[in-house]
């Protein structure tokens, strides 16, 4: 079986690792501007990375299920991910008053790392 739950869990770990690396690289780049900017990038990228973990937990946490239940868990996990991302960005920008551009840059770079990791694994699987 090419699309097992174990393969999905392994992909999730690769994606989260790539997101963490992208977040750290963005924070290092923002450190040249200032420490608050680096912290903002960490908060934005961290929110996106944590959101991915929440989505994976929601999608893969229930064990074996039928197609309808699996789709429902996937949709709920995705909704929870974006709720975590929105809350993280709200905390970073509105509550902690961190700069918005680095926070959004950290989130964007983590999202780009997500897309690249998934694309790379899909290309490898289909080749």
PDB file of N, CA and C in Angstrom:
ATOM      1  N   UNK A   1       0.851  -1.169   0.000  1.00  0.00           N
ATOM      2  CA  UNK A   1       0.000   0.000   0.000  1.00  0.00           C
ATOM      3  C   UNK A   1       0.899   1.235   0.000  1.00  0.00           C
ATOM      4  N   UNK A   2       0.707   2.115  -0.946  1.00  0.00           N
ATOM      5  CA  UNK A   2       1.554   3.288  -1.080  1.00  0.00           C
ATOM      6  C   UNK A   2       1.176   4.423  -0.141  1.00  0.00           C
ATOM      7  N   UNK A   3      -0.040   4.455   0.313  1.00  0.00           N
ATOM      8  CA  UNK A   3      -0.524   5.602   1.061  1.00  0.00           C
ATOM      9  C   UNK A   3      -0.967   5.195   2.460  1.00  0.00           C
ATOM     10  N   UNK A   4      -0.079   4.593   3.222  1.00  0.00           N
ATOM     11  CA  UNK A   4      -0.450   4.109   4.545  1.00  0.00           C
ATOM     12  C   UNK A   4      -0.432   5.253   5.556  1.00  0.00           C
ATOM     13  N   UNK A   5      -1.051   4.999   6.696  1.00  0.00           N
ATOM     14  CA  UNK A   5      -1.037   5.999   7.775  1.00  0.00           C
ATOM     15  C   UNK A   5       0.378   6.210   8.285  1.00  0.00           C
ATOM     16  N   UNK A   6       1.184   5.148   8.299  1.00  0.00           N
ATOM     17  CA  UNK A   6       2.573   5.286   8.751  1.00  0.00           C
ATOM     18  C   UNK A   6       3.352   6.211   7.815  1.00  0.00           C
ATOM     19  N   UNK A   7       3.097   6.106   6.513  1.00  0.00           N
ATOM     20  CA  UNK A   7       3.758   7.013   5.565  1.00  0.00           C
ATOM     21  C   UNK A   7       3.308   8.449   5.798  1.00  0.00           C
ATOM     22  N   UNK A   8       2.054   8.639   6.131  1.00  0.00           N
ATOM     23  CA  UNK A   8       1.557   9.976   6.446  1.00  0.00           C
ATOM     24  C   UNK A   8       2.205  10.546   7.700  1.00  0.00           C
ATOM     25  N   UNK A   9       2.401   9.704   8.699  1.00  0.00           N
ATOM     26  CA  UNK A   9       3.065  10.163   9.918  1.00  0.00           C
ATOM     27  C   UNK A   9       4.516  10.539   9.649  1.00  0.00           C
ATOM     28  N   UNK A  10       5.200   9.736   8.829  1.00  0.00           N
ATOM     29  CA  UNK A  10       6.590  10.057   8.480  1.00  0.00           C
ATOM     30  C   UNK A  10       6.665  11.360   7.700  1.00  0.00           C
ATOM     31  N   UNK A  11       5.741  11.551   6.773  1.00  0.00           N
ATOM     32  CA  UNK A  11       5.693  12.798   6.018  1.00  0.00           C
ATOM     33  C   UNK A  11       5.447  13.978   6.948  1.00  0.00           C
ATOM     34  N   UNK A  12       4.576  13.810   7.924  1.00  0.00           N
ATOM     35  CA  UNK A  12       4.291  14.875   8.879  1.00  0.00           C
ATOM     36  C   UNK A  12       5.550  15.279   9.636  1.00  0.00           C
ATOM     37  N   UNK A  13       6.323  14.303  10.078  1.00  0.00           N
ATOM     38  CA  UNK A  13       7.555  14.618  10.803  1.00  0.00           C
ATOM     39  C   UNK A  13       8.549  15.361   9.910  1.00  0.00           C
ATOM     40  N   UNK A  14       8.660  14.960   8.649  1.00  0.00           N
ATOM     41  CA  UNK A  14       9.545  15.670   7.710  1.00  0.00           C
ATOM     42  C   UNK A  14       9.070  17.093   7.490  1.00  0.00           C
ATOM     43  N   UNK A  15       7.771  17.249   7.319  1.00  0.00           N
ATOM     44  CA  UNK A  15       7.202  18.582   7.077  1.00  0.00           C
ATOM     45  C   UNK A  15       7.452  19.487   8.271  1.00  0.00           C
ATOM     46  N   UNK A  16       7.184  19.007   9.466  1.00  0.00           N
ATOM     47  CA  UNK A  16       7.371  19.823  10.671  1.00  0.00           C
ATOM     48  C   UNK A  16       8.848  20.170  10.854  1.00  0.00           C
ATOM     49  N   UNK A  17       9.731  19.220  10.589  1.00  0.00           N
ATOM     50  CA  UNK A  17      11.168  19.512  10.686  1.00  0.00           C
ATOM     51  C   UNK A  17      11.573  20.588   9.679  1.00  0.00           C
ATOM     52  N   UNK A  18      11.070  20.480   8.456  1.00  0.00           N
ATOM     53  CA  UNK A  18      11.379  21.497   7.444  1.00  0.00           C
ATOM     54  C   UNK A  18      10.820  22.859   7.850  1.00  0.00           C
ATOM     55  N   UNK A  19       9.631  22.877   8.417  1.00  0.00           N
ATOM     56  CA  UNK A  19       9.046  24.140   8.867  1.00  0.00           C
ATOM     57  C   UNK A  19       9.872  24.752   9.996  1.00  0.00           C
ATOM     58  N   UNK A  20      10.347  23.930  10.906  1.00  0.00           N
ATOM     59  CA  UNK A  20      11.167  24.446  12.005  1.00  0.00           C
ATOM     60  C   UNK A  20      12.471  25.035  11.485  1.00  0.00           C
ATOM     61  N   UNK A  21      13.093  24.363  10.537  1.00  0.00           N
ATOM     62  CA  UNK A  21      14.340  24.880   9.955  1.00  0.00           C
ATOM     63  C   UNK A  21      14.075  26.193   9.229  1.00  0.00           C
ATOM     64  N   UNK A  22      13.011  26.261   8.444  1.00  0.00           N
ATOM     65  CA  UNK A  22      12.678  27.496   7.727  1.00  0.00           C
ATOM     66  C   UNK A  22      12.395  28.627   8.704  1.00  0.00           C
ATOM     67  N   UNK A  23      11.720  28.325   9.805  1.00  0.00           N
ATOM     68  CA  UNK A  23      11.436  29.333  10.821  1.00  0.00           C
ATOM     69  C   UNK A  23      12.728  29.856  11.436  1.00  0.00           C
ATOM     70  N   UNK A  24      13.630  28.949  11.779  1.00  0.00           N
ATOM     71  CA  UNK A  24      14.905  29.370  12.372  1.00  0.00           C
ATOM     72  C   UNK A  24      15.737  30.198  11.397  1.00  0.00           C
ATOM     73  N   UNK A  25      15.757  29.802  10.134  1.00  0.00           N
ATOM     74  CA  UNK A  25      16.508  30.580   9.137  1.00  0.00           C
ATOM     75  C   UNK A  25      15.904  31.967   8.946  1.00  0.00           C
ATOM     76  N   UNK A  26      14.600  32.052   8.963  1.00  0.00           N
ATOM     77  CA  UNK A  26      13.941  33.352   8.846  1.00  0.00           C
ATOM     78  C   UNK A  26      14.251  34.211  10.062  1.00  0.00           C
ATOM     79  N   UNK A  27      14.248  33.609  11.243  1.00  0.00           N
ATOM     80  CA  UNK A  27      14.565  34.363  12.462  1.00  0.00           C
ATOM     81  C   UNK A  27      16.009  34.859  12.441  1.00  0.00           C
ATOM     82  N   UNK A  28      16.921  34.041  11.946  1.00  0.00           N
ATOM     83  CA  UNK A  28      18.323  34.469  11.840  1.00  0.00           C
ATOM     84  C   UNK A  28      18.444  35.638  10.870  1.00  0.00           C
ATOM     85  N   UNK A  29      17.738  35.565   9.762  1.00  0.00           N
ATOM     86  CA  UNK A  29      17.764  36.678   8.809  1.00  0.00           C
ATOM     87  C   UNK A  29      17.166  37.933   9.430  1.00  0.00           C
ATOM     88  N   UNK A  30      16.110  37.782  10.190  1.00  0.00           N
ATOM     89  CA  UNK A  30      15.471  38.942  10.831  1.00  0.00           C
ATOM     90  C   UNK A  30      16.292  39.475  11.997  1.00  0.00           C
ATOM     91  N   UNK A  31      17.195  38.663  12.526  1.00  0.00           N
ATOM     92  CA  UNK A  31      18.045  39.114  13.616  1.00  0.00           C
ATOM     93  C   UNK A  31      18.935  40.270  13.173  1.00  0.00           C
ATOM     94  N   UNK A  32      19.211  40.337  11.875  1.00  0.00           N
ATOM     95  CA  UNK A  32      20.007  41.457  11.356  1.00  0.00           C
ATOM     96  C   UNK A  32      19.255  42.778  11.494  1.00  0.00           C
ATOM     97  N   UNK A  33      17.939  42.725  11.542  1.00  0.00           N
ATOM     98  CA  UNK A  33      17.130  43.925  11.733  1.00  0.00           C
ATOM     99  C   UNK A  33      17.063  44.271  13.215  1.00  0.00           C
ATOM    100  N   UNK A  34      16.834  43.251  14.034  1.00  0.00           N
ATOM    101  CA  UNK A  34      16.761  43.475  15.476  1.00  0.00           C
ATOM    102  C   UNK A  34      16.230  42.251  16.188  1.00  0.00           C
ATOM    103  N   UNK A  35      16.435  42.181  17.498  1.00  0.00           N
ATOM    104  CA  UNK A  35      15.994  40.992  18.246  1.00  0.00           C
ATOM    105  C   UNK A  35      14.475  40.839  18.297  1.00  0.00           C
ATOM    106  N   UNK A  36      13.735  41.945  18.358  1.00  0.00           N
ATOM    107  CA  UNK A  36      12.269  41.842  18.368  1.00  0.00           C
ATOM    108  C   UNK A  36      11.761  41.296  17.035  1.00  0.00           C
ATOM    109  N   UNK A  37      12.433  41.655  15.948  1.00  0.00           N
ATOM    110  CA  UNK A  37      12.042  41.135  14.635  1.00  0.00           C
ATOM    111  C   UNK A  37      12.308  39.633  14.547  1.00  0.00           C
ATOM    112  N   UNK A  38      13.428  39.198  15.101  1.00  0.00           N
ATOM    113  CA  UNK A  38      13.731  37.761  15.115  1.00  0.00           C
ATOM    114  C   UNK A  38      12.712  37.005  15.963  1.00  0.00           C
ATOM    115  N   UNK A  39      12.343  37.588  17.095  1.00  0.00           N
ATOM    116  CA  UNK A  39      11.329  36.962  17.950  1.00  0.00           C
ATOM    117  C   UNK A  39       9.982  36.897  17.240  1.00  0.00           C
ATOM    118  N   UNK A  40       9.659  37.939  16.491  1.00  0.00           N
ATOM    119  CA  UNK A  40       8.402  37.945  15.728  1.00  0.00           C
ATOM    120  C   UNK A  40       8.410  36.846  14.670  1.00  0.00           C
ATOM    121  N   UNK A  41       9.538  36.681  13.980  1.00  0.00           N
ATOM    122  CA  UNK A  41       9.634  35.622  12.971  1.00  0.00           C
ATOM    123  C   UNK A  41       9.500  34.248  13.613  1.00  0.00           C
ATOM    124  N   UNK A  42      10.109  34.081  14.790  1.00  0.00           N
ATOM    125  CA  UNK A  42       9.964  32.812  15.513  1.00  0.00           C
ATOM    126  C   UNK A  42       8.515  32.564  15.912  1.00  0.00           C
ATOM    127  N   UNK A  43       7.831  33.612  16.347  1.00  0.00           N
ATOM    128  CA  UNK A  43       6.433  33.454  16.756  1.00  0.00           C
ATOM    129  C   UNK A  43       5.554  33.093  15.563  1.00  0.00           C
ATOM    130  N   UNK A  44       5.736  33.767  14.438  1.00  0.00           N
ATOM    131  CA  UNK A  44       4.931  33.475  13.252  1.00  0.00           C
ATOM    132  C   UNK A  44       5.194  32.086  12.694  1.00  0.00           C
ATOM    133  N   UNK A  45       6.468  31.753  12.547  1.00  0.00           N
ATOM    134  CA  UNK A  45       6.810  30.420  12.050  1.00  0.00           C
ATOM    135  C   UNK A  45       6.459  29.334  13.040  1.00  0.00           C
ATOM    136  N   UNK A  46       6.616  29.629  14.327  1.00  0.00           N
ATOM    137  CA  UNK A  46       6.243  28.659  15.361  1.00  0.00           C
ATOM    138  C   UNK A  46       4.755  28.373  15.365  1.00  0.00           C
ATOM    139  N   UNK A  47       3.959  29.415  15.122  1.00  0.00           N
ATOM    140  CA  UNK A  47       2.508  29.214  15.057  1.00  0.00           C
ATOM    141  C   UNK A  47       2.146  28.298  13.888  1.00  0.00           C
ATOM    142  N   UNK A  48       2.784  28.511  12.742  1.00  0.00           N
ATOM    143  CA  UNK A  48       2.501  27.675  11.572  1.00  0.00           C
ATOM    144  C   UNK A  48       2.962  26.239  11.816  1.00  0.00           C
ATOM    145  N   UNK A  49       4.126  26.069  12.427  1.00  0.00           N
ATOM    146  CA  UNK A  49       4.648  24.732  12.709  1.00  0.00           C
ATOM    147  C   UNK A  49       3.776  24.006  13.731  1.00  0.00           C
ATOM    148  N   UNK A  50       3.392  24.708  14.783  1.00  0.00           N
ATOM    149  CA  UNK A  50       2.499  24.114  15.779  1.00  0.00           C
ATOM    150  C   UNK A  50       1.154  23.763  15.156  1.00  0.00           C
ATOM    151  N   UNK A  51       0.674  24.616  14.262  1.00  0.00           N
ATOM    152  CA  UNK A  51      -0.577  24.324  13.563  1.00  0.00           C
ATOM    153  C   UNK A  51      -0.481  23.046  12.739  1.00  0.00           C
ATOM    154  N   UNK A  52       0.650  22.830  12.108  1.00  0.00           N
ATOM    155  CA  UNK A  52       0.841  21.593  11.336  1.00  0.00           C
ATOM    156  C   UNK A  52       0.831  20.374  12.241  1.00  0.00           C
ATOM    157  N   UNK A  53       1.443  20.502  13.410  1.00  0.00           N
ATOM    158  CA  UNK A  53       1.411  19.386  14.361  1.00  0.00           C
ATOM    159  C   UNK A  53      -0.013  19.097  14.831  1.00  0.00           C
ATOM    160  N   UNK A  54      -0.779  20.141  15.078  1.00  0.00           N
ATOM    161  CA  UNK A  54      -2.175  19.968  15.498  1.00  0.00           C
ATOM    162  C   UNK A  54      -2.990  19.291  14.397  1.00  0.00           C
ATOM    163  N   UNK A  55      -2.769  19.722  13.159  1.00  0.00           N
ATOM    164  CA  UNK A  55      -3.485  19.113  12.030  1.00  0.00           C
ATOM    165  C   UNK A  55      -3.120  17.641  11.884  1.00  0.00           C
ATOM    166  N   UNK A  56      -1.842  17.325  12.043  1.00  0.00           N
ATOM    167  CA  UNK A  56      -1.410  15.923  11.935  1.00  0.00           C
ATOM    168  C   UNK A  56      -1.998  15.084  13.059  1.00  0.00           C
ATOM    169  N   UNK A  57      -2.015  15.641  14.256  1.00  0.00           N
ATOM    170  CA  UNK A  57      -2.601  14.915  15.376  1.00  0.00           C
ATOM    171  C   UNK A  57      -4.080  14.653  15.121  1.00  0.00           C
ATOM    172  N   UNK A  58      -4.766  15.640  14.568  1.00  0.00           N
ATOM    173  CA  UNK A  58      -6.184  15.464  14.266  1.00  0.00           C
ATOM    174  C   UNK A  58      -6.413  14.446  13.158  1.00  0.00           C
ATOM    175  N   UNK A  59      -5.562  14.449  12.155  1.00  0.00           N
ATOM    176  CA  UNK A  59      -5.746  13.560  11.015  1.00  0.00           C
ATOM    177  C   UNK A  59      -5.341  12.125  11.323  1.00  0.00           C
ATOM    178  N   UNK A  60      -4.248  11.952  12.069  1.00  0.00           N
ATOM    179  CA  UNK A  60      -3.715  10.610  12.289  1.00  0.00           C
ATOM    180  C   UNK A  60      -3.936  10.081  13.699  1.00  0.00           C
ATOM    181  N   UNK A  61      -4.555  10.860  14.560  1.00  0.00           N
ATOM    182  CA  UNK A  61      -4.664  10.482  15.962  1.00  0.00           C
ATOM    183  C   UNK A  61      -5.725   9.449  16.282  1.00  0.00           C
ATOM    184  N   UNK A  62      -6.669   9.212  15.414  1.00  0.00           N
ATOM    185  CA  UNK A  62      -7.787   8.349  15.755  1.00  0.00           C
ATOM    186  C   UNK A  62      -7.648   6.901  15.366  1.00  0.00           C
ATOM    187  N   UNK A  63      -6.539   6.509  14.791  1.00  0.00           N
ATOM    188  CA  UNK A  63      -6.380   5.126  14.371  1.00  0.00           C
ATOM    189  C   UNK A  63      -7.076   4.857  13.046  1.00  0.00           C
ATOM    190  N   UNK A  64      -7.342   3.596  12.787  1.00  0.00           N
ATOM    191  CA  UNK A  64      -7.950   3.184  11.528  1.00  0.00           C
ATOM    192  C   UNK A  64      -9.436   3.558  11.537  1.00  0.00           C
ATOM    193  N   UNK A  65      -9.890   4.139  10.414  1.00  0.00           N
ATOM    194  CA  UNK A  65     -11.292   4.543  10.320  1.00  0.00           C
ATOM    195  C   UNK A  65     -11.722   4.450   8.866  1.00  0.00           C
ATOM    196  N   UNK A  66     -13.012   4.537   8.653  1.00  0.00           N
ATOM    197  CA  UNK A  66     -13.547   4.534   7.297  1.00  0.00           C
ATOM    198  C   UNK A  66     -13.222   5.842   6.584  1.00  0.00           C
ATOM    199  N   UNK A  67     -13.565   5.876   5.313  1.00  0.00           N
ATOM    200  CA  UNK A  67     -13.232   7.037   4.497  1.00  0.00           C
ATOM    201  C   UNK A  67     -13.913   8.311   5.000  1.00  0.00           C
ATOM    202  N   UNK A  68     -15.164   8.226   5.377  1.00  0.00           N
ATOM    203  CA  UNK A  68     -15.884   9.397   5.858  1.00  0.00           C
ATOM    204  C   UNK A  68     -15.294   9.942   7.145  1.00  0.00           C
ATOM    205  N   UNK A  69     -14.965   9.051   8.068  1.00  0.00           N
ATOM    206  CA  UNK A  69     -14.368   9.486   9.333  1.00  0.00           C
ATOM    207  C   UNK A  69     -12.976  10.068   9.099  1.00  0.00           C
ATOM    208  N   UNK A  70     -12.207   9.445   8.199  1.00  0.00           N
ATOM    209  CA  UNK A  70     -10.868   9.948   7.901  1.00  0.00           C
ATOM    210  C   UNK A  70     -10.935  11.338   7.278  1.00  0.00           C
ATOM    211  N   UNK A  71     -11.873  11.536   6.357  1.00  0.00           N
ATOM    212  CA  UNK A  71     -12.036  12.854   5.750  1.00  0.00           C
ATOM    213  C   UNK A  71     -12.475  13.880   6.792  1.00  0.00           C
ATOM    214  N   UNK A  72     -13.373  13.500   7.664  1.00  0.00           N
ATOM    215  CA  UNK A  72     -13.817  14.397   8.728  1.00  0.00           C
ATOM    216  C   UNK A  72     -12.677  14.801   9.637  1.00  0.00           C
ATOM    217  N   UNK A  73     -11.827  13.830  10.024  1.00  0.00           N
ATOM    218  CA  UNK A  73     -10.676  14.147  10.865  1.00  0.00           C
ATOM    219  C   UNK A  73      -9.706  15.055  10.139  1.00  0.00           C
ATOM    220  N   UNK A  74      -9.510  14.821   8.851  1.00  0.00           N
ATOM    221  CA  UNK A  74      -8.618  15.671   8.072  1.00  0.00           C
ATOM    222  C   UNK A  74      -9.136  17.104   8.019  1.00  0.00           C
ATOM    223  N   UNK A  75     -10.429  17.264   7.784  1.00  0.00           N
ATOM    224  CA  UNK A  75     -11.012  18.605   7.723  1.00  0.00           C
ATOM    225  C   UNK A  75     -10.975  19.301   9.079  1.00  0.00           C
ATOM    226  N   UNK A  76     -11.289  18.575  10.146  1.00  0.00           N
ATOM    227  CA  UNK A  76     -11.217  19.164  11.482  1.00  0.00           C
ATOM    228  C   UNK A  76      -9.779  19.525  11.857  1.00  0.00           C
ATOM    229  N   UNK A  77      -8.836  18.669  11.474  1.00  0.00           N
ATOM    230  CA  UNK A  77      -7.428  18.966  11.740  1.00  0.00           C
ATOM    231  C   UNK A  77      -6.964  20.212  11.010  1.00  0.00           C
ATOM    232  N   UNK A  78      -7.403  20.364   9.765  1.00  0.00           N
ATOM    233  CA  UNK A  78      -7.041  21.548   8.995  1.00  0.00           C
ATOM    234  C   UNK A  78      -7.664  22.802   9.599  1.00  0.00           C
ATOM    235  N   UNK A  79      -8.910  22.718  10.019  1.00  0.00           N
ATOM    236  CA  UNK A  79      -9.560  23.865  10.669  1.00  0.00           C
ATOM    237  C   UNK A  79      -8.837  24.220  11.968  1.00  0.00           C
ATOM    238  N   UNK A  80      -8.447  23.212  12.731  1.00  0.00           N
ATOM    239  CA  UNK A  80      -7.720  23.467  13.983  1.00  0.00           C
ATOM    240  C   UNK A  80      -6.360  24.091  13.697  1.00  0.00           C
ATOM    241  N   UNK A  81      -5.715  23.648  12.619  1.00  0.00           N
ATOM    242  CA  UNK A  81      -4.421  24.226  12.242  1.00  0.00           C
ATOM    243  C   UNK A  81      -4.552  25.726  12.023  1.00  0.00           C
ATOM    244  N   UNK A  82      -5.522  26.129  11.234  1.00  0.00           N
ATOM    245  CA  UNK A  82      -5.648  27.544  10.911  1.00  0.00           C
ATOM    246  C   UNK A  82      -6.121  28.350  12.104  1.00  0.00           C
ATOM    247  N   UNK A  83      -6.842  27.727  13.018  1.00  0.00           N
ATOM    248  CA  UNK A  83      -7.203  28.403  14.260  1.00  0.00           C
ATOM    249  C   UNK A  83      -5.949  28.651  15.106  1.00  0.00           C
ATOM    250  N   UNK A  84      -5.076  27.660  15.194  1.00  0.00           N
ATOM    251  CA  UNK A  84      -3.823  27.812  15.936  1.00  0.00           C
ATOM    252  C   UNK A  84      -2.959  28.890  15.290  1.00  0.00           C
ATOM    253  N   UNK A  85      -2.857  28.892  13.958  1.00  0.00           N
ATOM    254  CA  UNK A  85      -2.054  29.899  13.257  1.00  0.00           C
ATOM    255  C   UNK A  85      -2.618  31.293  13.509  1.00  0.00           C
ATOM    256  N   UNK A  86      -3.929  31.448  13.385  1.00  0.00           N
ATOM    257  CA  UNK A  86      -4.554  32.757  13.602  1.00  0.00           C
ATOM    258  C   UNK A  86      -4.342  33.227  15.039  1.00  0.00           C
ATOM    259  N   UNK A  87      -4.504  32.327  15.998  1.00  0.00           N
ATOM    260  CA  UNK A  87      -4.291  32.701  17.397  1.00  0.00           C
ATOM    261  C   UNK A  87      -2.838  33.071  17.656  1.00  0.00           C
ATOM    262  N   UNK A  88      -1.910  32.319  17.077  1.00  0.00           N
ATOM    263  CA  UNK A  88      -0.486  32.614  17.251  1.00  0.00           C
ATOM    264  C   UNK A  88      -0.109  33.966  16.669  1.00  0.00           C
ATOM    265  N   UNK A  89      -0.610  34.258  15.475  1.00  0.00           N
ATOM    266  CA  UNK A  89      -0.318  35.550  14.867  1.00  0.00           C
ATOM    267  C   UNK A  89      -0.991  36.684  15.637  1.00  0.00           C
ATOM    268  N   UNK A  90      -2.197  36.440  16.137  1.00  0.00           N
ATOM    269  CA  UNK A  90      -2.875  37.453  16.948  1.00  0.00           C
ATOM    270  C   UNK A  90      -2.063  37.745  18.211  1.00  0.00           C
ATOM    271  N   UNK A  91      -1.625  36.691  18.879  1.00  0.00           N
ATOM    272  CA  UNK A  91      -0.821  36.891  20.088  1.00  0.00           C
ATOM    273  C   UNK A  91       0.459  37.665  19.772  1.00  0.00           C
ATOM    274  N   UNK A  92       1.133  37.281  18.697  1.00  0.00           N
ATOM    275  CA  UNK A  92       2.402  37.915  18.351  1.00  0.00           C
ATOM    276  C   UNK A  92       2.225  39.394  18.030  1.00  0.00           C
ATOM    277  N   UNK A  93       1.222  39.712  17.233  1.00  0.00           N
ATOM    278  CA  UNK A  93       1.092  41.084  16.744  1.00  0.00           C
ATOM    279  C   UNK A  93       0.243  41.978  17.637  1.00  0.00           C
ATOM    280  N   UNK A  94      -0.838  41.466  18.192  1.00  0.00           N
ATOM    281  CA  UNK A  94      -1.759  42.313  18.950  1.00  0.00           C
ATOM    282  C   UNK A  94      -1.464  42.318  20.450  1.00  0.00           C
ATOM    283  N   UNK A  95      -1.120  41.164  20.994  1.00  0.00           N
ATOM    284  CA  UNK A  95      -0.921  41.083  22.436  1.00  0.00           C
ATOM    285  C   UNK A  95       0.527  41.416  22.803  1.00  0.00           C
ATOM    286  N   UNK A  96       1.474  40.755  22.144  1.00  0.00           N
ATOM    287  CA  UNK A  96       2.884  40.966  22.470  1.00  0.00           C
ATOM    288  C   UNK A  96       3.485  42.153  21.721  1.00  0.00           C
ATOM    289  N   UNK A  97       2.736  42.720  20.788  1.00  0.00           N
ATOM    290  CA  UNK A  97       3.153  43.907  20.023  1.00  0.00           C
ATOM    291  C   UNK A  97       4.483  43.709  19.289  1.00  0.00           C
ATOM    292  N   UNK A  98       4.673  42.518  18.733  1.00  0.00           N
ATOM    293  CA  UNK A  98       5.859  42.251  17.916  1.00  0.00           C
ATOM    294  C   UNK A  98       5.615  42.800  16.515  1.00  0.00           C
ATOM    295  N   UNK A  99       6.673  43.104  15.768  1.00  0.00           N
ATOM    296  CA  UNK A  99       6.501  43.635  14.411  1.00  0.00           C
ATOM    297  C   UNK A  99       5.749  42.653  13.512  1.00  0.00           C
ATOM    298  N   UNK A 100       4.815  43.187  12.732  1.00  0.00           N
ATOM    299  CA  UNK A 100       3.930  42.337  11.925  1.00  0.00           C
ATOM    300  C   UNK A 100       4.651  41.703  10.737  1.00  0.00           C
ATOM    301  N   UNK A 101       5.477  42.456  10.051  1.00  0.00           N
ATOM    302  CA  UNK A 101       6.098  41.929   8.829  1.00  0.00           C
ATOM    303  C   UNK A 101       6.976  40.711   9.122  1.00  0.00           C
ATOM    304  N   UNK A 102       7.860  40.750  10.126  1.00  0.00           N
ATOM    305  CA  UNK A 102       8.637  39.530  10.410  1.00  0.00           C
ATOM    306  C   UNK A 102       7.768  38.361  10.881  1.00  0.00           C
ATOM    307  N   UNK A 103       6.703  38.652  11.638  1.00  0.00           N
ATOM    308  CA  UNK A 103       5.814  37.569  12.077  1.00  0.00           C
ATOM    309  C   UNK A 103       5.154  36.907  10.879  1.00  0.00           C
ATOM    310  N   UNK A 104       4.679  37.720   9.955  1.00  0.00           N
ATOM    311  CA  UNK A 104       4.058  37.163   8.748  1.00  0.00           C
ATOM    312  C   UNK A 104       5.095  36.485   7.860  1.00  0.00           C
ATOM    313  N   UNK A 105       6.311  37.017   7.827  1.00  0.00           N
ATOM    314  CA  UNK A 105       7.369  36.380   7.040  1.00  0.00           C
ATOM    315  C   UNK A 105       7.717  35.006   7.605  1.00  0.00           C
ATOM    316  N   UNK A 106       7.782  34.903   8.929  1.00  0.00           N
ATOM    317  CA  UNK A 106       8.050  33.601   9.539  1.00  0.00           C
ATOM    318  C   UNK A 106       6.959  32.593   9.214  1.00  0.00           C
ATOM    319  N   UNK A 107       5.703  33.038   9.287  1.00  0.00           N
ATOM    320  CA  UNK A 107       4.589  32.148   8.950  1.00  0.00           C
ATOM    321  C   UNK A 107       4.617  31.772   7.472  1.00  0.00           C
ATOM    322  N   UNK A 108       4.923  32.743   6.617  1.00  0.00           N
ATOM    323  CA  UNK A 108       4.960  32.472   5.174  1.00  0.00           C
ATOM    324  C   UNK A 108       6.086  31.510   4.815  1.00  0.00           C
ATOM    325  N   UNK A 109       7.234  31.674   5.438  1.00  0.00           N
ATOM    326  CA  UNK A 109       8.351  30.773   5.135  1.00  0.00           C
ATOM    327  C   UNK A 109       8.064  29.362   5.648  1.00  0.00           C
ATOM    328  N   UNK A 110       7.406  29.249   6.794  1.00  0.00           N
ATOM    329  CA  UNK A 110       7.025  27.923   7.291  1.00  0.00           C
ATOM    330  C   UNK A 110       5.984  27.285   6.370  1.00  0.00           C
ATOM    331  N   UNK A 111       5.058  28.090   5.852  1.00  0.00           N
ATOM    332  CA  UNK A 111       4.067  27.561   4.905  1.00  0.00           C
ATOM    333  C   UNK A 111       4.734  27.129   3.606  1.00  0.00           C
ATOM    334  N   UNK A 112       5.710  27.903   3.141  1.00  0.00           N
ATOM    335  CA  UNK A 112       6.438  27.532   1.922  1.00  0.00           C
ATOM    336  C   UNK A 112       7.221  26.240   2.147  1.00  0.00           C
ATOM    337  N   UNK A 113       7.811  26.091   3.327  1.00  0.00           N
ATOM    338  CA  UNK A 113       8.528  24.849   3.643  1.00  0.00           C
ATOM    339  C   UNK A 113       7.575  23.664   3.657  1.00  0.00           C
ATOM    340  N   UNK A 114       6.357  23.868   4.146  1.00  0.00           N
ATOM    341  CA  UNK A 114       5.327  22.830   4.119  1.00  0.00           C
ATOM    342  C   UNK A 114       5.073  22.385   2.681  1.00  0.00           C
ATOM    343  N   UNK A 115       4.848  23.364   1.810  1.00  0.00           N
ATOM    344  CA  UNK A 115       4.542  23.042   0.413  1.00  0.00           C
ATOM    345  C   UNK A 115       5.706  22.335  -0.263  1.00  0.00           C
ATOM    346  N   UNK A 116       6.927  22.794  -0.031  1.00  0.00           N
ATOM    347  CA  UNK A 116       8.092  22.165  -0.656  1.00  0.00           C
ATOM    348  C   UNK A 116       8.310  20.748  -0.148  1.00  0.00           C
ATOM    349  N   UNK A 117       8.130  20.525   1.145  1.00  0.00           N
ATOM    350  CA  UNK A 117       8.324  19.184   1.698  1.00  0.00           C
ATOM    351  C   UNK A 117       7.294  18.212   1.149  1.00  0.00           C
ATOM    352  N   UNK A 118       6.056  18.636   1.053  1.00  0.00           N
ATOM    353  CA  UNK A 118       5.010  17.771   0.512  1.00  0.00           C
ATOM    354  C   UNK A 118       5.259  17.514  -0.978  1.00  0.00           C
ATOM    355  N   UNK A 119       5.635  18.549  -1.703  1.00  0.00           N
ATOM    356  CA  UNK A 119       5.892  18.394  -3.148  1.00  0.00           C
ATOM    357  C   UNK A 119       7.066  17.449  -3.383  1.00  0.00           C
ATOM    358  N   UNK A 120       8.118  17.593  -2.599  1.00  0.00           N
ATOM    359  CA  UNK A 120       9.286  16.710  -2.758  1.00  0.00           C
ATOM    360  C   UNK A 120       8.927  15.263  -2.481  1.00  0.00           C
ATOM    361  N   UNK A 121       8.140  15.008  -1.447  1.00  0.00           N
ATOM    362  CA  UNK A 121       7.793  13.629  -1.113  1.00  0.00           C
ATOM    363  C   UNK A 121       6.817  13.055  -2.145  1.00  0.00           C
ATOM    364  N   UNK A 122       5.938  13.882  -2.683  1.00  0.00           N
ATOM    365  CA  UNK A 122       5.006  13.417  -3.708  1.00  0.00           C
ATOM    366  C   UNK A 122       5.749  13.084  -4.987  1.00  0.00           C
ATOM    367  N   UNK A 123       6.705  13.909  -5.353  1.00  0.00           N
ATOM    368  CA  UNK A 123       7.502  13.670  -6.554  1.00  0.00           C
ATOM    369  C   UNK A 123       8.301  12.385  -6.399  1.00  0.00           C
ATOM    370  N   UNK A 124       8.892  12.183  -5.228  1.00  0.00           N
ATOM    371  CA  UNK A 124       9.682  10.982  -4.972  1.00  0.00           C
ATOM    372  C   UNK A 124       8.806   9.737  -5.033  1.00  0.00           C
ATOM    373  N   UNK A 125       7.585   9.813  -4.497  1.00  0.00           N
ATOM    374  CA  UNK A 125       6.684   8.666  -4.454  1.00  0.00           C
ATOM    375  C   UNK A 125       6.197   8.299  -5.851  1.00  0.00           C
ATOM    376  N   UNK A 126       5.881   9.303  -6.670  1.00  0.00           N
ATOM    377  CA  UNK A 126       5.336   9.050  -7.988  1.00  0.00           C
ATOM    378  C   UNK A 126       6.385   8.747  -9.043  1.00  0.00           C
ATOM    379  N   UNK A 127       7.645   8.951  -8.741  1.00  0.00           N
ATOM    380  CA  UNK A 127       8.695   8.749  -9.746  1.00  0.00           C
ATOM    381  C   UNK A 127       8.999   7.298  -9.956  1.00  0.00           C
TER     382      UNK A 127
END
